[in-house]
Amino acid sequence: MVLRMCYLVVGQTGQYGNHRVWWVAVYHTRDQAEQHVIRLNEVVEHISHYDEDRDTKLAEVKAGLDPQCRLGYTGTNYEVEELPLCKHLDEFLGLHE
């Protein structure tokens, strides 16, 4: 049995007790997930916690790239995590060949 992998885009913000982590998207190739992370990081790095139009910028991110996006005073980071797929999850996500 060949173990298939999926690639999860994960967002995080905050620190210590205020640290939050959430799932953004899942892909069947690392390259697709990394491209999503690059786009997200490019957008959120230009949004300051103190921007007057922060809510408008956040709404744009939520509408397109990350519906659960959270912005904290420590910034928001995205990364890719590799996860093994079990047969049933693979079928549920529609990632089977």
N, C-alpha and C. Protein backbone atom coordinates (compact mmCIF):
# COMPACT_ATOMS: atom_id res chain seq x y z
N MET A 1 0.84 -1.19 0.00
CA MET A 1 0.00 0.00 0.00
C MET A 1 0.88 1.25 0.00
N VAL A 2 0.63 2.12 -0.92
CA VAL A 2 1.38 3.37 -1.03
C VAL A 2 0.68 4.41 -0.16
N LEU A 3 1.44 5.03 0.70
CA LEU A 3 0.88 6.06 1.58
C LEU A 3 0.89 7.39 0.84
N ARG A 4 -0.29 7.92 0.58
CA ARG A 4 -0.41 9.21 -0.08
C ARG A 4 -0.35 10.32 0.96
N MET A 5 0.09 11.46 0.52
CA MET A 5 0.20 12.61 1.41
C MET A 5 -0.71 13.72 0.92
N CYS A 6 -1.15 14.56 1.84
CA CYS A 6 -1.83 15.79 1.48
C CYS A 6 -1.06 16.92 2.15
N TYR A 7 -1.29 18.13 1.67
CA TYR A 7 -0.53 19.27 2.14
C TYR A 7 -1.50 20.33 2.64
N LEU A 8 -1.42 20.58 3.91
CA LEU A 8 -2.35 21.45 4.61
C LEU A 8 -1.75 22.83 4.79
N VAL A 9 -2.48 23.86 4.38
CA VAL A 9 -2.08 25.25 4.62
C VAL A 9 -2.64 25.63 5.98
N VAL A 10 -1.75 26.06 6.87
CA VAL A 10 -2.11 26.38 8.25
C VAL A 10 -1.79 27.84 8.54
N GLY A 11 -2.73 28.54 9.16
CA GLY A 11 -2.50 29.92 9.59
C GLY A 11 -2.32 29.97 11.09
N GLN A 12 -1.58 30.97 11.55
CA GLN A 12 -1.40 31.15 12.99
C GLN A 12 -1.09 32.60 13.32
N THR A 13 -1.50 32.98 14.51
CA THR A 13 -1.24 34.33 15.00
C THR A 13 -1.23 34.30 16.52
N GLY A 14 -0.71 35.34 17.12
CA GLY A 14 -0.70 35.46 18.58
C GLY A 14 0.48 34.75 19.21
N GLN A 15 0.50 34.81 20.54
CA GLN A 15 1.55 34.14 21.30
C GLN A 15 1.02 33.74 22.66
N TYR A 16 1.68 32.77 23.24
CA TYR A 16 1.31 32.26 24.57
C TYR A 16 -0.16 31.86 24.63
N GLY A 17 -0.91 32.35 25.57
CA GLY A 17 -2.31 31.98 25.73
C GLY A 17 -3.22 32.52 24.64
N ASN A 18 -2.71 33.47 23.87
CA ASN A 18 -3.49 34.08 22.79
C ASN A 18 -3.11 33.50 21.42
N HIS A 19 -2.30 32.45 21.40
CA HIS A 19 -1.86 31.84 20.14
C HIS A 19 -3.01 31.07 19.51
N ARG A 20 -3.28 31.33 18.24
CA ARG A 20 -4.36 30.67 17.50
C ARG A 20 -3.80 30.02 16.25
N VAL A 21 -4.29 28.81 15.96
CA VAL A 21 -3.91 28.07 14.77
C VAL A 21 -5.18 27.61 14.08
N TRP A 22 -5.23 27.71 12.74
CA TRP A 22 -6.41 27.25 12.01
C TRP A 22 -5.99 26.69 10.66
N TRP A 23 -6.84 25.81 10.13
CA TRP A 23 -6.62 25.22 8.82
C TRP A 23 -7.22 26.12 7.75
N VAL A 24 -6.50 26.30 6.67
CA VAL A 24 -6.94 27.18 5.60
C VAL A 24 -7.40 26.38 4.37
N ALA A 25 -6.56 25.48 3.91
CA ALA A 25 -6.85 24.72 2.69
C ALA A 25 -6.03 23.44 2.68
N VAL A 26 -6.45 22.49 1.86
CA VAL A 26 -5.71 21.25 1.68
C VAL A 26 -5.49 21.01 0.19
N TYR A 27 -4.28 20.56 -0.16
CA TYR A 27 -3.90 20.32 -1.55
C TYR A 27 -3.28 18.94 -1.68
N HIS A 28 -3.28 18.42 -2.92
CA HIS A 28 -2.66 17.12 -3.11
C HIS A 28 -1.21 17.22 -3.58
N THR A 29 -0.71 18.46 -3.81
CA THR A 29 0.71 18.64 -4.08
C THR A 29 1.28 19.73 -3.17
N ARG A 30 2.53 19.55 -2.81
CA ARG A 30 3.22 20.54 -1.97
C ARG A 30 3.31 21.88 -2.70
N ASP A 31 3.56 21.83 -4.01
CA ASP A 31 3.71 23.06 -4.77
C ASP A 31 2.45 23.92 -4.71
N GLN A 32 1.28 23.31 -4.85
CA GLN A 32 0.03 24.07 -4.78
C GLN A 32 -0.13 24.72 -3.40
N ALA A 33 0.16 23.97 -2.36
CA ALA A 33 0.04 24.50 -1.00
C ALA A 33 1.03 25.63 -0.77
N GLU A 34 2.26 25.46 -1.24
CA GLU A 34 3.27 26.51 -1.06
C GLU A 34 2.91 27.78 -1.82
N GLN A 35 2.31 27.65 -3.00
CA GLN A 35 1.88 28.83 -3.75
C GLN A 35 0.78 29.58 -2.99
N HIS A 36 -0.12 28.86 -2.35
CA HIS A 36 -1.18 29.48 -1.55
C HIS A 36 -0.56 30.24 -0.37
N VAL A 37 0.41 29.61 0.29
CA VAL A 37 1.09 30.25 1.42
C VAL A 37 1.81 31.52 0.98
N ILE A 38 2.47 31.47 -0.17
CA ILE A 38 3.17 32.65 -0.67
C ILE A 38 2.19 33.80 -0.89
N ARG A 39 1.06 33.51 -1.54
CA ARG A 39 0.06 34.56 -1.78
C ARG A 39 -0.47 35.13 -0.47
N LEU A 40 -0.77 34.25 0.49
CA LEU A 40 -1.29 34.71 1.78
C LEU A 40 -0.27 35.58 2.51
N ASN A 41 0.96 35.11 2.60
CA ASN A 41 1.99 35.87 3.33
C ASN A 41 2.26 37.22 2.67
N GLU A 42 2.21 37.27 1.34
CA GLU A 42 2.41 38.55 0.65
C GLU A 42 1.31 39.55 1.01
N VAL A 43 0.09 39.07 1.14
CA VAL A 43 -1.04 39.95 1.44
C VAL A 43 -1.02 40.40 2.90
N VAL A 44 -0.89 39.45 3.83
CA VAL A 44 -1.02 39.82 5.25
C VAL A 44 0.18 40.60 5.77
N GLU A 45 1.33 40.48 5.13
CA GLU A 45 2.48 41.25 5.62
C GLU A 45 2.28 42.75 5.44
N HIS A 46 1.34 43.13 4.59
CA HIS A 46 1.07 44.55 4.34
C HIS A 46 -0.12 45.07 5.15
N ILE A 47 -0.63 44.24 6.04
CA ILE A 47 -1.76 44.67 6.87
C ILE A 47 -1.27 44.82 8.31
N SER A 48 -1.25 46.01 8.79
CA SER A 48 -0.83 46.27 10.16
C SER A 48 -2.04 46.14 11.09
N HIS A 49 -1.76 45.69 12.29
CA HIS A 49 -2.80 45.60 13.32
C HIS A 49 -3.41 46.98 13.59
N TYR A 50 -2.66 48.02 13.27
CA TYR A 50 -3.08 49.38 13.59
C TYR A 50 -3.57 50.17 12.37
N ASP A 51 -3.67 49.52 11.19
CA ASP A 51 -4.18 50.21 9.99
C ASP A 51 -5.61 50.67 10.18
N GLU A 52 -5.88 51.88 9.69
CA GLU A 52 -7.26 52.39 9.75
C GLU A 52 -8.19 51.57 8.87
N ASP A 53 -7.67 51.06 7.74
CA ASP A 53 -8.50 50.27 6.83
C ASP A 53 -8.27 48.77 7.00
N ARG A 54 -7.84 48.39 8.19
CA ARG A 54 -7.54 46.98 8.51
C ARG A 54 -8.73 46.07 8.25
N ASP A 55 -9.93 46.48 8.66
CA ASP A 55 -11.11 45.64 8.49
C ASP A 55 -11.44 45.41 7.02
N THR A 56 -11.24 46.42 6.20
CA THR A 56 -11.49 46.28 4.76
C THR A 56 -10.49 45.31 4.14
N LYS A 57 -9.22 45.46 4.50
CA LYS A 57 -8.19 44.55 3.99
C LYS A 57 -8.43 43.12 4.47
N LEU A 58 -8.82 42.97 5.72
CA LEU A 58 -9.10 41.64 6.26
C LEU A 58 -10.27 41.00 5.52
N ALA A 59 -11.29 41.76 5.23
CA ALA A 59 -12.46 41.24 4.49
C ALA A 59 -12.04 40.74 3.12
N GLU A 60 -11.10 41.42 2.48
CA GLU A 60 -10.62 40.99 1.16
C GLU A 60 -9.88 39.66 1.26
N VAL A 61 -9.08 39.50 2.30
CA VAL A 61 -8.36 38.23 2.50
C VAL A 61 -9.37 37.11 2.76
N LYS A 62 -10.36 37.37 3.62
CA LYS A 62 -11.36 36.36 3.95
C LYS A 62 -12.19 35.97 2.73
N ALA A 63 -12.44 36.92 1.85
CA ALA A 63 -13.27 36.64 0.68
C ALA A 63 -12.53 35.77 -0.34
N GLY A 64 -11.21 35.83 -0.35
CA GLY A 64 -10.49 35.13 -1.40
C GLY A 64 -9.56 34.01 -0.96
N LEU A 65 -8.70 34.28 -0.02
CA LEU A 65 -7.63 33.33 0.29
C LEU A 65 -7.79 32.55 1.58
N ASP A 66 -8.39 33.17 2.59
CA ASP A 66 -8.50 32.52 3.91
C ASP A 66 -9.75 33.00 4.63
N PRO A 67 -10.85 32.25 4.53
CA PRO A 67 -12.11 32.68 5.15
C PRO A 67 -12.05 32.83 6.67
N GLN A 68 -11.07 32.19 7.31
CA GLN A 68 -10.96 32.27 8.77
C GLN A 68 -9.83 33.17 9.24
N CYS A 69 -9.27 33.96 8.34
CA CYS A 69 -8.09 34.77 8.66
C CYS A 69 -8.28 35.58 9.94
N ARG A 70 -7.25 35.57 10.76
CA ARG A 70 -7.22 36.36 11.98
C ARG A 70 -5.94 37.19 11.96
N LEU A 71 -6.06 38.42 12.33
CA LEU A 71 -4.89 39.29 12.39
C LEU A 71 -4.63 39.65 13.84
N GLY A 72 -3.43 39.43 14.29
CA GLY A 72 -3.06 39.78 15.64
C GLY A 72 -1.93 40.79 15.65
N TYR A 73 -1.67 41.35 16.80
CA TYR A 73 -0.60 42.35 16.90
C TYR A 73 0.77 41.75 16.65
N THR A 74 0.89 40.42 16.74
CA THR A 74 2.17 39.76 16.48
C THR A 74 2.33 39.39 15.01
N GLY A 75 1.30 39.66 14.20
CA GLY A 75 1.33 39.29 12.79
C GLY A 75 0.62 37.97 12.58
N THR A 76 0.48 37.60 11.33
CA THR A 76 -0.16 36.36 10.94
C THR A 76 0.79 35.63 10.02
N ASN A 77 1.02 34.35 10.29
CA ASN A 77 1.93 33.54 9.49
C ASN A 77 1.19 32.35 8.91
N TYR A 78 1.66 31.89 7.76
CA TYR A 78 1.11 30.70 7.12
C TYR A 78 2.25 29.75 6.80
N GLU A 79 1.96 28.46 6.87
CA GLU A 79 2.95 27.44 6.54
C GLU A 79 2.24 26.21 5.99
N VAL A 80 3.03 25.28 5.47
CA VAL A 80 2.50 24.03 4.92
C VAL A 80 2.87 22.90 5.86
N GLU A 81 1.90 22.06 6.15
CA GLU A 81 2.14 20.83 6.92
C GLU A 81 1.79 19.64 6.05
N GLU A 82 2.64 18.62 6.09
CA GLU A 82 2.42 17.40 5.32
C GLU A 82 1.72 16.37 6.19
N LEU A 83 0.64 15.80 5.67
CA LEU A 83 -0.13 14.82 6.43
C LEU A 83 -0.38 13.58 5.59
N PRO A 84 -0.28 12.39 6.20
CA PRO A 84 -0.63 11.18 5.46
C PRO A 84 -2.15 11.08 5.31
N LEU A 85 -2.57 10.56 4.17
CA LEU A 85 -3.99 10.37 3.92
C LEU A 85 -4.38 8.92 4.15
N CYS A 86 -5.44 8.71 4.89
CA CYS A 86 -6.00 7.38 4.97
C CYS A 86 -6.96 7.22 3.80
N LYS A 87 -7.32 6.02 3.46
CA LYS A 87 -8.16 5.75 2.30
C LYS A 87 -9.47 6.54 2.36
N HIS A 88 -10.13 6.55 3.49
CA HIS A 88 -11.43 7.19 3.59
C HIS A 88 -11.32 8.72 3.50
N LEU A 89 -10.31 9.30 4.10
CA LEU A 89 -10.12 10.74 4.02
C LEU A 89 -9.77 11.14 2.59
N ASP A 90 -8.93 10.34 1.94
CA ASP A 90 -8.56 10.58 0.56
C ASP A 90 -9.80 10.65 -0.33
N GLU A 91 -10.71 9.72 -0.15
CA GLU A 91 -11.94 9.71 -0.94
C GLU A 91 -12.84 10.90 -0.57
N PHE A 92 -12.94 11.20 0.72
CA PHE A 92 -13.78 12.31 1.17
C PHE A 92 -13.31 13.63 0.58
N LEU A 93 -12.00 13.84 0.53
CA LEU A 93 -11.45 15.09 0.02
C LEU A 93 -11.42 15.14 -1.51
N GLY A 94 -11.71 14.02 -2.14
CA GLY A 94 -11.69 13.99 -3.59
C GLY A 94 -10.29 14.05 -4.16
N LEU A 95 -9.31 13.56 -3.41
CA LEU A 95 -7.93 13.62 -3.85
C LEU A 95 -7.46 12.31 -4.48
N HIS A 96 -8.34 11.33 -4.59
CA HIS A 96 -7.93 10.04 -5.17
C HIS A 96 -7.71 10.18 -6.66
N GLU A 97 -6.86 9.31 -7.17
CA GLU A 97 -6.52 9.38 -8.60
C GLU A 97 -7.53 8.60 -9.42
